[in-house]
Amino acid sequence: MAKTRISTLNLRIHPAVKDAVREAAANEHRSVANMVEVLIRRHCDLTGITIPEQTDLFQRKNNA
């Protein structure tokens, strides 16, 4: 199985937005990092931006 690669994203946000993300994460029993990823994925779904899944990336690498 392919090793999952994780990238680090550092960002600066308003403290009130950070508190809101923490609250949203707690409400869904998620970490803040996972909540941010979920929010980004939801936005991409709504705006038609495709995010390749790990299996898609693995298949592309093996077919190359």
PDB file of N, CA and C in Angstrom:
ATOM      1  N   MET A   1       0.847  -1.183   0.000  1.00  0.00           N
ATOM      2  CA  MET A   1       0.000   0.000   0.000  1.00  0.00           C
ATOM      3  C   MET A   1       0.884   1.235   0.000  1.00  0.00           C
ATOM      4  N   ALA A   2       0.441   2.260  -0.682  1.00  0.00           N
ATOM      5  CA  ALA A   2       1.206   3.502  -0.787  1.00  0.00           C
ATOM      6  C   ALA A   2       1.249   4.227   0.549  1.00  0.00           C
ATOM      7  N   LYS A   3       2.388   4.810   0.814  1.00  0.00           N
ATOM      8  CA  LYS A   3       2.540   5.607   2.021  1.00  0.00           C
ATOM      9  C   LYS A   3       1.831   6.942   1.813  1.00  0.00           C
ATOM     10  N   THR A   4       1.005   7.344   2.777  1.00  0.00           N
ATOM     11  CA  THR A   4       0.292   8.609   2.689  1.00  0.00           C
ATOM     12  C   THR A   4       1.248   9.747   3.021  1.00  0.00           C
ATOM     13  N   ARG A   5       1.287  10.721   2.149  1.00  0.00           N
ATOM     14  CA  ARG A   5       2.115  11.895   2.397  1.00  0.00           C
ATOM     15  C   ARG A   5       1.234  12.996   2.955  1.00  0.00           C
ATOM     16  N   ILE A   6       1.732  13.647   3.959  1.00  0.00           N
ATOM     17  CA  ILE A   6       1.013  14.732   4.604  1.00  0.00           C
ATOM     18  C   ILE A   6       1.808  16.015   4.416  1.00  0.00           C
ATOM     19  N   SER A   7       1.124  17.084   4.041  1.00  0.00           N
ATOM     20  CA  SER A   7       1.759  18.391   3.903  1.00  0.00           C
ATOM     21  C   SER A   7       1.338  19.279   5.061  1.00  0.00           C
ATOM     22  N   THR A   8       2.221  20.150   5.448  1.00  0.00           N
ATOM     23  CA  THR A   8       1.940  21.104   6.510  1.00  0.00           C
ATOM     24  C   THR A   8       1.448  22.407   5.888  1.00  0.00           C
ATOM     25  N   LEU A   9       0.419  22.989   6.493  1.00  0.00           N
ATOM     26  CA  LEU A   9      -0.120  24.264   6.045  1.00  0.00           C
ATOM     27  C   LEU A   9      -0.127  25.211   7.238  1.00  0.00           C
ATOM     28  N   ASN A  10       0.688  26.240   7.171  1.00  0.00           N
ATOM     29  CA  ASN A  10       0.715  27.253   8.225  1.00  0.00           C
ATOM     30  C   ASN A  10      -0.066  28.455   7.739  1.00  0.00           C
ATOM     31  N   LEU A  11      -0.957  28.957   8.577  1.00  0.00           N
ATOM     32  CA  LEU A  11      -1.721  30.126   8.183  1.00  0.00           C
ATOM     33  C   LEU A  11      -2.030  30.990   9.387  1.00  0.00           C
ATOM     34  N   ARG A  12      -2.313  32.231   9.082  1.00  0.00           N
ATOM     35  CA  ARG A  12      -2.689  33.188  10.133  1.00  0.00           C
ATOM     36  C   ARG A  12      -4.152  33.542   9.921  1.00  0.00           C
ATOM     37  N   ILE A  13      -4.920  33.410  10.976  1.00  0.00           N
ATOM     38  CA  ILE A  13      -6.341  33.744  10.902  1.00  0.00           C
ATOM     39  C   ILE A  13      -6.736  34.551  12.142  1.00  0.00           C
ATOM     40  N   HIS A  14      -7.846  35.230  12.028  1.00  0.00           N
ATOM     41  CA  HIS A  14      -8.377  36.024  13.140  1.00  0.00           C
ATOM     42  C   HIS A  14      -8.706  35.071  14.301  1.00  0.00           C
ATOM     43  N   PRO A  15      -8.419  35.478  15.530  1.00  0.00           N
ATOM     44  CA  PRO A  15      -8.697  34.618  16.679  1.00  0.00           C
ATOM     45  C   PRO A  15     -10.156  34.143  16.764  1.00  0.00           C
ATOM     46  N   ALA A  16     -11.091  34.976  16.341  1.00  0.00           N
ATOM     47  CA  ALA A  16     -12.500  34.568  16.385  1.00  0.00           C
ATOM     48  C   ALA A  16     -12.782  33.441  15.390  1.00  0.00           C
ATOM     49  N   VAL A  17     -12.112  33.479  14.235  1.00  0.00           N
ATOM     50  CA  VAL A  17     -12.272  32.408  13.249  1.00  0.00           C
ATOM     51  C   VAL A  17     -11.663  31.125  13.798  1.00  0.00           C
ATOM     52  N   LYS A  18     -10.519  31.225  14.442  1.00  0.00           N
ATOM     53  CA  LYS A  18      -9.883  30.058  15.049  1.00  0.00           C
ATOM     54  C   LYS A  18     -10.791  29.443  16.104  1.00  0.00           C
ATOM     55  N   ASP A  19     -11.403  30.279  16.922  1.00  0.00           N
ATOM     56  CA  ASP A  19     -12.338  29.775  17.936  1.00  0.00           C
ATOM     57  C   ASP A  19     -13.529  29.077  17.289  1.00  0.00           C
ATOM     58  N   ALA A  20     -14.022  29.630  16.185  1.00  0.00           N
ATOM     59  CA  ALA A  20     -15.151  29.022  15.485  1.00  0.00           C
ATOM     60  C   ALA A  20     -14.779  27.658  14.916  1.00  0.00           C
ATOM     61  N   VAL A  21     -13.571  27.548  14.361  1.00  0.00           N
ATOM     62  CA  VAL A  21     -13.115  26.254  13.823  1.00  0.00           C
ATOM     63  C   VAL A  21     -12.953  25.249  14.954  1.00  0.00           C
ATOM     64  N   ARG A  22     -12.426  25.695  16.075  1.00  0.00           N
ATOM     65  CA  ARG A  22     -12.298  24.796  17.238  1.00  0.00           C
ATOM     66  C   ARG A  22     -13.672  24.299  17.689  1.00  0.00           C
ATOM     67  N   GLU A  23     -14.638  25.193  17.736  1.00  0.00           N
ATOM     68  CA  GLU A  23     -15.991  24.805  18.147  1.00  0.00           C
ATOM     69  C   GLU A  23     -16.616  23.837  17.146  1.00  0.00           C
ATOM     70  N   ALA A  24     -16.467  24.131  15.853  1.00  0.00           N
ATOM     71  CA  ALA A  24     -17.001  23.246  14.816  1.00  0.00           C
ATOM     72  C   ALA A  24     -16.359  21.863  14.916  1.00  0.00           C
ATOM     73  N   ALA A  25     -15.052  21.831  15.132  1.00  0.00           N
ATOM     74  CA  ALA A  25     -14.344  20.560  15.264  1.00  0.00           C
ATOM     75  C   ALA A  25     -14.844  19.775  16.473  1.00  0.00           C
ATOM     76  N   ALA A  26     -15.009  20.452  17.579  1.00  0.00           N
ATOM     77  CA  ALA A  26     -15.502  19.786  18.784  1.00  0.00           C
ATOM     78  C   ALA A  26     -16.912  19.242  18.577  1.00  0.00           C
ATOM     79  N   ASN A  27     -17.754  20.007  17.886  1.00  0.00           N
ATOM     80  CA  ASN A  27     -19.127  19.569  17.635  1.00  0.00           C
ATOM     81  C   ASN A  27     -19.185  18.303  16.789  1.00  0.00           C
ATOM     82  N   GLU A  28     -18.193  18.113  15.925  1.00  0.00           N
ATOM     83  CA  GLU A  28     -18.163  16.940  15.046  1.00  0.00           C
ATOM     84  C   GLU A  28     -17.146  15.896  15.504  1.00  0.00           C
ATOM     85  N   HIS A  29     -16.601  16.086  16.715  1.00  0.00           N
ATOM     86  CA  HIS A  29     -15.615  15.157  17.290  1.00  0.00           C
ATOM     87  C   HIS A  29     -14.436  14.959  16.343  1.00  0.00           C
ATOM     88  N   ARG A  30     -13.903  16.066  15.826  1.00  0.00           N
ATOM     89  CA  ARG A  30     -12.765  16.060  14.910  1.00  0.00           C
ATOM     90  C   ARG A  30     -11.639  16.890  15.512  1.00  0.00           C
ATOM     91  N   SER A  31     -10.437  16.675  14.996  1.00  0.00           N
ATOM     92  CA  SER A  31      -9.336  17.571  15.348  1.00  0.00           C
ATOM     93  C   SER A  31      -9.519  18.852  14.538  1.00  0.00           C
ATOM     94  N   VAL A  32      -8.851  19.908  14.952  1.00  0.00           N
ATOM     95  CA  VAL A  32      -8.923  21.163  14.205  1.00  0.00           C
ATOM     96  C   VAL A  32      -8.364  20.954  12.796  1.00  0.00           C
ATOM     97  N   ALA A  33      -7.251  20.229  12.681  1.00  0.00           N
ATOM     98  CA  ALA A  33      -6.651  19.978  11.366  1.00  0.00           C
ATOM     99  C   ALA A  33      -7.618  19.222  10.460  1.00  0.00           C
ATOM    100  N   ASN A  34      -8.289  18.204  11.008  1.00  0.00           N
ATOM    101  CA  ASN A  34      -9.240  17.449  10.196  1.00  0.00           C
ATOM    102  C   ASN A  34     -10.436  18.305   9.830  1.00  0.00           C
ATOM    103  N   MET A  35     -10.876  19.162  10.736  1.00  0.00           N
ATOM    104  CA  MET A  35     -12.008  20.043  10.435  1.00  0.00           C
ATOM    105  C   MET A  35     -11.657  21.002   9.307  1.00  0.00           C
ATOM    106  N   VAL A  36     -10.464  21.551   9.326  1.00  0.00           N
ATOM    107  CA  VAL A  36     -10.037  22.451   8.254  1.00  0.00           C
ATOM    108  C   VAL A  36     -10.028  21.694   6.927  1.00  0.00           C
ATOM    109  N   GLU A  37      -9.519  20.460   6.927  1.00  0.00           N
ATOM    110  CA  GLU A  37      -9.514  19.663   5.700  1.00  0.00           C
ATOM    111  C   GLU A  37     -10.933  19.401   5.205  1.00  0.00           C
ATOM    112  N   VAL A  38     -11.840  19.059   6.110  1.00  0.00           N
ATOM    113  CA  VAL A  38     -13.237  18.821   5.738  1.00  0.00           C
ATOM    114  C   VAL A  38     -13.847  20.084   5.134  1.00  0.00           C
ATOM    115  N   LEU A  39     -13.597  21.233   5.734  1.00  0.00           N
ATOM    116  CA  LEU A  39     -14.137  22.487   5.217  1.00  0.00           C
ATOM    117  C   LEU A  39     -13.587  22.798   3.829  1.00  0.00           C
ATOM    118  N   ILE A  40     -12.298  22.549   3.619  1.00  0.00           N
ATOM    119  CA  ILE A  40     -11.706  22.773   2.303  1.00  0.00           C
ATOM    120  C   ILE A  40     -12.323  21.828   1.281  1.00  0.00           C
ATOM    121  N   ARG A  41     -12.474  20.550   1.644  1.00  0.00           N
ATOM    122  CA  ARG A  41     -13.076  19.580   0.723  1.00  0.00           C
ATOM    123  C   ARG A  41     -14.526  19.953   0.388  1.00  0.00           C
ATOM    124  N   ARG A  42     -15.283  20.408   1.389  1.00  0.00           N
ATOM    125  CA  ARG A  42     -16.669  20.836   1.133  1.00  0.00           C
ATOM    126  C   ARG A  42     -16.696  22.008   0.159  1.00  0.00           C
ATOM    127  N   HIS A  43     -15.823  22.977   0.373  1.00  0.00           N
ATOM    128  CA  HIS A  43     -15.749  24.135  -0.519  1.00  0.00           C
ATOM    129  C   HIS A  43     -15.409  23.698  -1.942  1.00  0.00           C
ATOM    130  N   CYS A  44     -14.433  22.821  -2.067  1.00  0.00           N
ATOM    131  CA  CYS A  44     -14.041  22.336  -3.397  1.00  0.00           C
ATOM    132  C   CYS A  44     -15.195  21.596  -4.069  1.00  0.00           C
ATOM    133  N   ASP A  45     -15.919  20.771  -3.318  1.00  0.00           N
ATOM    134  CA  ASP A  45     -17.095  20.082  -3.878  1.00  0.00           C
ATOM    135  C   ASP A  45     -18.119  21.087  -4.398  1.00  0.00           C
ATOM    136  N   LEU A  46     -18.368  22.126  -3.616  1.00  0.00           N
ATOM    137  CA  LEU A  46     -19.371  23.124  -3.996  1.00  0.00           C
ATOM    138  C   LEU A  46     -18.952  23.965  -5.194  1.00  0.00           C
ATOM    139  N   THR A  47     -17.641  24.152  -5.375  1.00  0.00           N
ATOM    140  CA  THR A  47     -17.159  25.022  -6.449  1.00  0.00           C
ATOM    141  C   THR A  47     -16.605  24.259  -7.645  1.00  0.00           C
ATOM    142  N   GLY A  48     -16.718  22.930  -7.605  1.00  0.00           N
ATOM    143  CA  GLY A  48     -16.296  22.131  -8.753  1.00  0.00           C
ATOM    144  C   GLY A  48     -14.799  21.910  -8.867  1.00  0.00           C
ATOM    145  N   ILE A  49     -14.088  22.070  -7.783  1.00  0.00           N
ATOM    146  CA  ILE A  49     -12.644  21.809  -7.788  1.00  0.00           C
ATOM    147  C   ILE A  49     -12.432  20.349  -7.407  1.00  0.00           C
ATOM    148  N   THR A  50     -11.714  19.626  -8.268  1.00  0.00           N
ATOM    149  CA  THR A  50     -11.479  18.203  -8.038  1.00  0.00           C
ATOM    150  C   THR A  50     -10.224  17.998  -7.207  1.00  0.00           C
ATOM    151  N   ILE A  51     -10.334  17.174  -6.194  1.00  0.00           N
ATOM    152  CA  ILE A  51      -9.181  16.781  -5.384  1.00  0.00           C
ATOM    153  C   ILE A  51      -8.972  15.293  -5.624  1.00  0.00           C
ATOM    154  N   PRO A  52      -7.849  14.900  -6.241  1.00  0.00           N
ATOM    155  CA  PRO A  52      -7.616  13.476  -6.472  1.00  0.00           C
ATOM    156  C   PRO A  52      -7.510  12.730  -5.142  1.00  0.00           C
ATOM    157  N   GLU A  53      -8.132  11.586  -5.072  1.00  0.00           N
ATOM    158  CA  GLU A  53      -8.042  10.775  -3.861  1.00  0.00           C
ATOM    159  C   GLU A  53      -6.713  10.036  -3.857  1.00  0.00           C
ATOM    160  N   GLN A  54      -6.294   9.558  -2.711  1.00  0.00           N
ATOM    161  CA  GLN A  54      -5.018   8.865  -2.577  1.00  0.00           C
ATOM    162  C   GLN A  54      -4.946   7.666  -3.525  1.00  0.00           C
ATOM    163  N   THR A  55      -6.031   6.917  -3.676  1.00  0.00           N
ATOM    164  CA  THR A  55      -6.021   5.749  -4.561  1.00  0.00           C
ATOM    165  C   THR A  55      -5.803   6.171  -6.006  1.00  0.00           C
ATOM    166  N   ASP A  56      -6.386   7.312  -6.419  1.00  0.00           N
ATOM    167  CA  ASP A  56      -6.186   7.820  -7.779  1.00  0.00           C
ATOM    168  C   ASP A  56      -4.718   8.167  -8.009  1.00  0.00           C
ATOM    169  N   LEU A  57      -4.100   8.805  -7.030  1.00  0.00           N
ATOM    170  CA  LEU A  57      -2.702   9.184  -7.161  1.00  0.00           C
ATOM    171  C   LEU A  57      -1.812   7.949  -7.231  1.00  0.00           C
ATOM    172  N   PHE A  58      -2.134   6.935  -6.429  1.00  0.00           N
ATOM    173  CA  PHE A  58      -1.356   5.696  -6.416  1.00  0.00           C
ATOM    174  C   PHE A  58      -1.458   4.984  -7.763  1.00  0.00           C
ATOM    175  N   GLN A  59      -2.654   4.938  -8.333  1.00  0.00           N
ATOM    176  CA  GLN A  59      -2.851   4.279  -9.618  1.00  0.00           C
ATOM    177  C   GLN A  59      -2.106   5.011 -10.719  1.00  0.00           C
ATOM    178  N   ARG A  60      -2.112   6.336 -10.707  1.00  0.00           N
ATOM    179  CA  ARG A  60      -1.390   7.124 -11.718  1.00  0.00           C
ATOM    180  C   ARG A  60       0.111   6.843 -11.650  1.00  0.00           C
ATOM    181  N   LYS A  61       0.628   6.764 -10.425  1.00  0.00           N
ATOM    182  CA  LYS A  61       2.065   6.522 -10.239  1.00  0.00           C
ATOM    183  C   LYS A  61       2.446   5.150 -10.782  1.00  0.00           C
ATOM    184  N   ASN A  62       1.622   4.136 -10.520  1.00  0.00           N
ATOM    185  CA  ASN A  62       1.928   2.773 -10.960  1.00  0.00           C
ATOM    186  C   ASN A  62       1.745   2.597 -12.461  1.00  0.00           C
ATOM    187  N   ASN A  63       0.908   3.403 -13.090  1.00  0.00           N
ATOM    188  CA  ASN A  63       0.684   3.298 -14.526  1.00  0.00           C
ATOM    189  C   ASN A  63       1.722   4.090 -15.327  1.00  0.00           C
ATOM    190  N   ALA A  64       2.489   4.909 -14.670  1.00  0.00           N
ATOM    191  CA  ALA A  64       3.480   5.755 -15.366  1.00  0.00           C
ATOM    192  C   ALA A  64       4.703   4.965 -15.777  1.00  0.00           C
TER     193      ALA A  64
END
